[in-house]
Amino acid sequence: MDDTHDQPSLWALSGTLAQLHCGPLTGHVDVAHPNLGLQQLTHERTVIGARPFRATRASNGLAKNEWPLPLTDVYTRGPDLVASYGPTDDWPYAPIIYWQANPLTVIDGVCASLSFLISVQTHLLDTHPRICVGTEVDCQEQLRFFWADGERSEVVPFEPNGTIDPRGTMCGVLRRLNNGLSYLEIVPTTDFRKAQLATKSPGHSQLVWQLFAEFLEKGVIRRARIHAAILPRKNDIELAAECCAALEQVPLPLTA
């Protein structure tokens, strides 16, 4: 049974603008333009310096910095903000996007956490819903690791313009921000086909996850998830491993 209907919403919805108030974490999303990402993210009034979850249409694996689908419905439910989109003639998909606050509250030491889930369905046969989700960050250092069989691989620097291919159970990227905090993203290896780190300027980069490695059959729903956490710099690698272990147990949200 879903009991989230009885929980107070962490999102205040006004038109297409949704304001997040999750304890000390605040920010906002324009659900009509998910390509803009989660904006003005702050924690305890400290600007995070990250713009997570910029969802865009992709062509040949490259983000086109646009979201061409019309918004058909939006609502909040407990920690979830949910938006549905309708297909167009040149992009025949009907995605549903979930922005979820605080899925990692079970881990002591995590400052705040967010998840982004997108499900896609089409009425056509054998199509390829090429979608990219990127996060822009101002940071000092970027590290990557893999998680498999309950163990973390060696944590190594993520080189500018480097790439990640699916491996293990989950793939993680830890980015040490300019404000003493760290920003972590974790993606199940089954949910993406490649990730690329693009350096835009010194100390500023965008990590783009290319989702949905396989074609989409008619009527089948395909889902992909990206999990994020804001961590204290101290012990951030150990906390990242705890997040991976916990996320293996996190269920998918309902789709209605």
Protein backbone atom coordinates (compact mmCIF):
# COMPACT_ATOMS: atom_id res chain seq x y z
CA MET A 1 0.00 0.00 0.00
CA ASP A 2 1.25 3.48 -0.85
CA ASP A 3 1.14 5.71 2.23
CA THR A 4 2.85 8.74 0.69
CA HIS A 5 -0.53 10.39 0.09
CA ASP A 6 -0.66 11.01 3.86
CA GLN A 7 2.78 12.63 3.98
CA PRO A 8 3.15 16.41 3.67
CA SER A 9 4.65 17.34 0.32
CA LEU A 10 8.22 18.58 0.22
CA TRP A 11 7.37 20.46 -2.99
CA ALA A 12 5.27 23.64 -3.32
CA LEU A 13 3.76 23.74 -6.80
CA SER A 14 2.71 27.00 -8.47
CA GLY A 15 1.87 26.59 -12.14
CA THR A 16 4.85 24.77 -13.63
CA LEU A 17 7.31 25.98 -10.97
CA ALA A 18 7.94 23.58 -8.07
CA GLN A 19 9.84 24.84 -5.01
CA LEU A 20 11.69 22.26 -2.90
CA HIS A 21 11.82 22.65 0.88
CA CYS A 22 13.44 19.55 2.37
CA GLY A 23 14.84 20.54 5.73
CA PRO A 24 17.90 22.70 5.02
CA LEU A 25 17.83 21.86 1.29
CA THR A 26 16.04 24.23 -1.09
CA GLY A 27 15.82 24.68 -4.84
CA HIS A 28 13.29 24.79 -7.66
CA VAL A 29 12.34 23.04 -10.90
CA ASP A 30 10.34 24.32 -13.86
CA VAL A 31 8.61 21.09 -14.89
CA ALA A 32 7.75 22.53 -18.31
CA HIS A 33 11.50 22.84 -18.96
CA PRO A 34 13.33 19.90 -17.34
CA ASN A 35 16.34 20.73 -19.50
CA LEU A 36 17.03 23.61 -17.07
CA GLY A 37 17.56 21.17 -14.20
CA LEU A 38 17.17 21.73 -10.48
CA GLN A 39 18.07 25.37 -10.00
CA GLN A 40 19.34 27.57 -7.13
CA LEU A 41 20.18 24.58 -4.97
CA THR A 42 21.22 25.57 -1.44
CA HIS A 43 21.93 23.70 1.79
CA GLU A 44 21.70 25.61 5.07
CA ARG A 45 21.77 28.79 2.96
CA THR A 46 25.05 27.73 1.35
CA VAL A 47 24.93 27.77 -2.44
CA ILE A 48 25.80 24.26 -3.62
CA GLY A 49 27.26 25.33 -6.95
CA ALA A 50 25.52 22.48 -8.76
CA ARG A 51 22.62 22.34 -11.22
CA PRO A 52 21.51 18.69 -11.20
CA PHE A 53 19.31 16.66 -13.52
CA ARG A 54 19.19 18.60 -16.80
CA ALA A 55 17.11 16.29 -18.99
CA THR A 56 17.50 16.80 -22.74
CA ARG A 57 16.74 15.11 -26.00
CA ALA A 58 19.83 13.55 -27.56
CA SER A 59 20.87 13.03 -31.15
CA ASN A 60 23.68 10.55 -31.89
CA GLY A 61 24.43 10.48 -28.17
CA LEU A 62 24.87 14.24 -27.89
CA ALA A 63 22.56 16.42 -25.81
CA LYS A 64 20.66 19.02 -27.83
CA ASN A 65 19.96 21.22 -24.77
CA GLU A 66 16.22 21.11 -25.35
CA TRP A 67 13.13 19.31 -24.12
CA PRO A 68 10.60 19.28 -26.95
CA LEU A 69 7.70 17.45 -25.29
CA PRO A 70 4.64 19.25 -23.90
CA LEU A 71 3.73 18.94 -20.24
CA THR A 72 0.44 17.05 -19.78
CA ASP A 73 0.20 16.65 -15.99
CA VAL A 74 2.09 17.49 -12.80
CA TYR A 75 1.47 16.70 -9.15
CA THR A 76 3.25 16.22 -5.83
CA ARG A 77 3.07 13.20 -3.56
CA GLY A 78 5.06 13.18 -0.30
CA PRO A 79 8.72 13.44 -1.30
CA ASP A 80 7.93 13.13 -5.03
CA LEU A 81 7.36 15.71 -7.73
CA VAL A 82 5.91 13.95 -10.78
CA ALA A 83 5.49 15.35 -14.30
CA SER A 84 4.07 13.65 -17.41
CA TYR A 85 4.76 14.62 -21.01
CA GLY A 86 3.01 13.92 -24.30
CA PRO A 87 4.59 12.68 -27.54
CA THR A 88 5.19 14.76 -30.66
CA ASP A 89 5.38 13.69 -34.29
CA ASP A 90 9.19 13.82 -34.38
CA TRP A 91 9.73 12.44 -30.84
CA PRO A 92 7.04 9.81 -30.16
CA TYR A 93 7.58 9.19 -26.45
CA ALA A 94 5.47 9.73 -23.34
CA PRO A 95 7.91 10.13 -20.44
CA ILE A 96 7.14 10.53 -16.77
CA ILE A 97 9.79 12.25 -14.64
CA TYR A 98 10.08 11.91 -10.86
CA TRP A 99 12.16 14.24 -8.73
CA GLN A 100 12.42 12.64 -5.28
CA ALA A 101 13.80 14.28 -2.14
CA ASN A 102 15.75 12.51 0.61
CA PRO A 103 15.82 8.82 -0.42
CA LEU A 104 19.05 8.33 1.60
CA THR A 105 17.95 9.60 5.00
CA VAL A 106 18.83 6.21 6.50
CA ILE A 107 22.56 7.02 6.21
CA ASP A 108 24.07 9.07 9.03
CA GLY A 109 26.28 11.85 7.73
CA VAL A 110 24.50 12.49 4.43
CA CYS A 111 23.59 16.19 4.33
CA ALA A 112 20.82 15.78 1.74
CA SER A 113 19.88 13.49 -1.12
CA LEU A 114 17.83 13.55 -4.30
CA SER A 115 16.85 11.12 -7.01
CA PHE A 116 15.79 11.61 -10.62
CA LEU A 117 13.79 8.87 -12.32
CA ILE A 118 12.50 8.91 -15.86
CA SER A 119 10.19 6.32 -17.39
CA VAL A 120 9.53 6.24 -21.13
CA GLN A 121 6.83 4.58 -23.21
CA THR A 122 5.99 4.69 -26.92
CA HIS A 123 3.20 3.48 -29.20
CA LEU A 124 5.67 2.64 -32.01
CA LEU A 125 7.82 -0.42 -32.65
CA ASP A 126 11.59 -0.62 -32.06
CA THR A 127 12.38 3.02 -31.29
CA HIS A 128 15.38 4.53 -29.49
CA PRO A 129 14.48 7.12 -26.81
CA ARG A 130 17.83 8.89 -26.67
CA ILE A 131 17.77 11.03 -23.53
CA CYS A 132 20.67 12.65 -21.71
CA VAL A 133 20.69 13.88 -18.12
CA GLY A 134 23.50 16.21 -17.09
CA THR A 135 24.63 18.00 -13.94
CA GLU A 136 26.72 21.16 -14.03
CA VAL A 137 29.04 21.66 -11.04
CA ASP A 138 31.69 24.07 -9.81
CA CYS A 139 34.28 21.85 -8.13
CA GLN A 140 37.91 21.35 -7.18
CA GLU A 141 38.27 17.62 -7.80
CA GLN A 142 36.37 14.83 -9.57
CA LEU A 143 36.63 11.12 -8.77
CA ARG A 144 34.96 8.00 -10.17
CA PHE A 145 34.41 4.48 -8.89
CA PHE A 146 32.33 1.35 -9.47
CA TRP A 147 30.30 -0.76 -7.06
CA ALA A 148 29.90 -4.53 -7.48
CA ASP A 149 29.25 -7.49 -5.20
CA GLY A 150 29.04 -5.23 -2.17
CA GLU A 151 32.50 -3.77 -2.74
CA ARG A 152 33.75 -0.43 -4.08
CA SER A 153 36.44 -0.38 -6.73
CA GLU A 154 39.47 1.86 -6.44
CA VAL A 155 38.55 5.55 -6.45
CA VAL A 156 40.47 7.29 -9.24
CA PRO A 157 40.51 10.80 -10.74
CA PHE A 158 37.92 11.41 -13.44
CA GLU A 159 39.90 13.11 -16.16
CA PRO A 160 38.47 16.14 -18.02
CA ASN A 161 36.45 14.97 -21.02
CA GLY A 162 36.73 11.37 -19.79
CA THR A 163 33.99 8.75 -20.20
CA ILE A 164 32.45 5.90 -18.19
CA ASP A 165 31.01 2.72 -19.67
CA PRO A 166 28.61 0.52 -17.65
CA ARG A 167 30.41 -1.79 -15.25
CA GLY A 168 29.65 -3.57 -11.98
CA THR A 169 26.32 -2.89 -10.30
CA MET A 170 26.52 0.88 -10.00
CA CYS A 171 28.77 3.67 -11.24
CA GLY A 172 29.57 6.65 -9.05
CA VAL A 173 31.14 10.07 -9.57
CA LEU A 174 32.21 12.15 -6.57
CA ARG A 175 32.85 15.85 -7.12
CA ARG A 176 34.44 17.92 -4.38
CA LEU A 177 32.88 21.36 -4.39
CA ASN A 178 34.40 24.74 -3.64
CA ASN A 179 32.44 25.14 -0.38
CA GLY A 180 33.76 22.20 1.65
CA LEU A 181 30.99 19.83 0.58
CA SER A 182 31.01 16.96 -1.92
CA TYR A 183 28.40 16.12 -4.55
CA LEU A 184 27.85 12.46 -5.42
CA GLU A 185 25.96 10.90 -8.34
CA ILE A 186 25.28 7.17 -8.64
CA VAL A 187 23.62 5.41 -11.58
CA PRO A 188 22.75 1.70 -11.85
CA THR A 189 24.83 0.20 -14.61
CA THR A 190 21.71 -1.13 -16.37
CA ASP A 191 20.24 2.37 -16.72
CA PHE A 192 22.81 4.10 -18.95
CA ARG A 193 24.94 3.46 -22.02
CA LYS A 194 27.74 5.98 -21.39
CA ALA A 195 28.66 8.92 -19.18
CA GLN A 196 30.89 11.77 -20.29
CA LEU A 197 32.56 14.55 -18.33
CA ALA A 198 32.76 17.81 -20.30
CA THR A 199 34.96 20.60 -18.95
CA LYS A 200 33.33 23.93 -19.75
CA SER A 201 35.85 26.20 -18.02
CA PRO A 202 38.48 25.84 -15.24
CA GLY A 203 36.69 24.47 -12.18
CA HIS A 204 33.35 24.12 -13.99
CA SER A 205 32.18 20.95 -15.72
CA GLN A 206 29.12 18.99 -16.78
CA LEU A 207 28.67 15.25 -16.30
CA VAL A 208 26.21 13.83 -18.84
CA TRP A 209 24.61 10.39 -18.50
CA GLN A 210 23.35 8.92 -21.79
CA LEU A 211 20.35 6.81 -20.80
CA PHE A 212 18.61 3.78 -22.29
CA ALA A 213 21.17 1.55 -23.95
CA GLU A 214 18.65 -0.60 -25.85
CA PHE A 215 15.76 0.07 -28.20
CA LEU A 216 12.24 0.43 -26.80
CA GLU A 217 9.48 -1.96 -27.81
CA LYS A 218 5.91 -0.81 -28.35
CA GLY A 219 4.00 -0.46 -25.08
CA VAL A 220 6.98 -1.37 -22.89
CA ILE A 221 7.93 1.04 -20.09
CA ARG A 222 11.67 1.61 -19.65
CA ARG A 223 13.04 3.34 -16.55
CA ALA A 224 16.36 4.94 -15.61
CA ARG A 225 17.48 6.40 -12.30
CA ILE A 226 20.12 8.88 -11.17
CA HIS A 227 20.75 9.28 -7.45
CA ALA A 228 22.53 12.27 -5.92
CA ALA A 229 23.76 13.10 -2.43
CA ILE A 230 25.41 16.08 -0.79
CA LEU A 231 28.10 14.89 1.59
CA PRO A 232 30.53 16.48 4.04
CA ARG A 233 34.05 16.48 2.62
CA LYS A 234 35.36 14.44 5.56
CA ASN A 235 34.80 10.72 4.93
CA ASP A 236 33.03 11.42 1.63
CA ILE A 237 34.43 8.29 -0.03
CA GLU A 238 33.24 6.04 2.79
CA LEU A 239 29.82 7.72 2.74
CA ALA A 240 29.64 7.23 -1.05
CA ALA A 241 30.12 3.48 -0.53
CA GLU A 242 27.34 3.45 2.08
CA CYS A 243 25.06 5.24 -0.39
CA CYS A 244 25.71 2.58 -3.03
CA ALA A 245 24.89 -0.19 -0.59
CA ALA A 246 21.69 1.53 0.53
CA LEU A 247 20.51 2.30 -2.99
CA GLU A 248 20.54 -1.39 -3.89
CA GLN A 249 17.57 -1.67 -1.51
CA VAL A 250 15.60 1.42 -2.65
CA PRO A 251 12.37 0.43 -4.50
CA LEU A 252 11.19 2.20 -7.63
CA PRO A 253 8.36 4.70 -7.00
CA LEU A 254 4.88 3.92 -8.21
CA THR A 255 3.97 5.12 -11.71
CA ALA A 256 0.54 6.51 -10.91
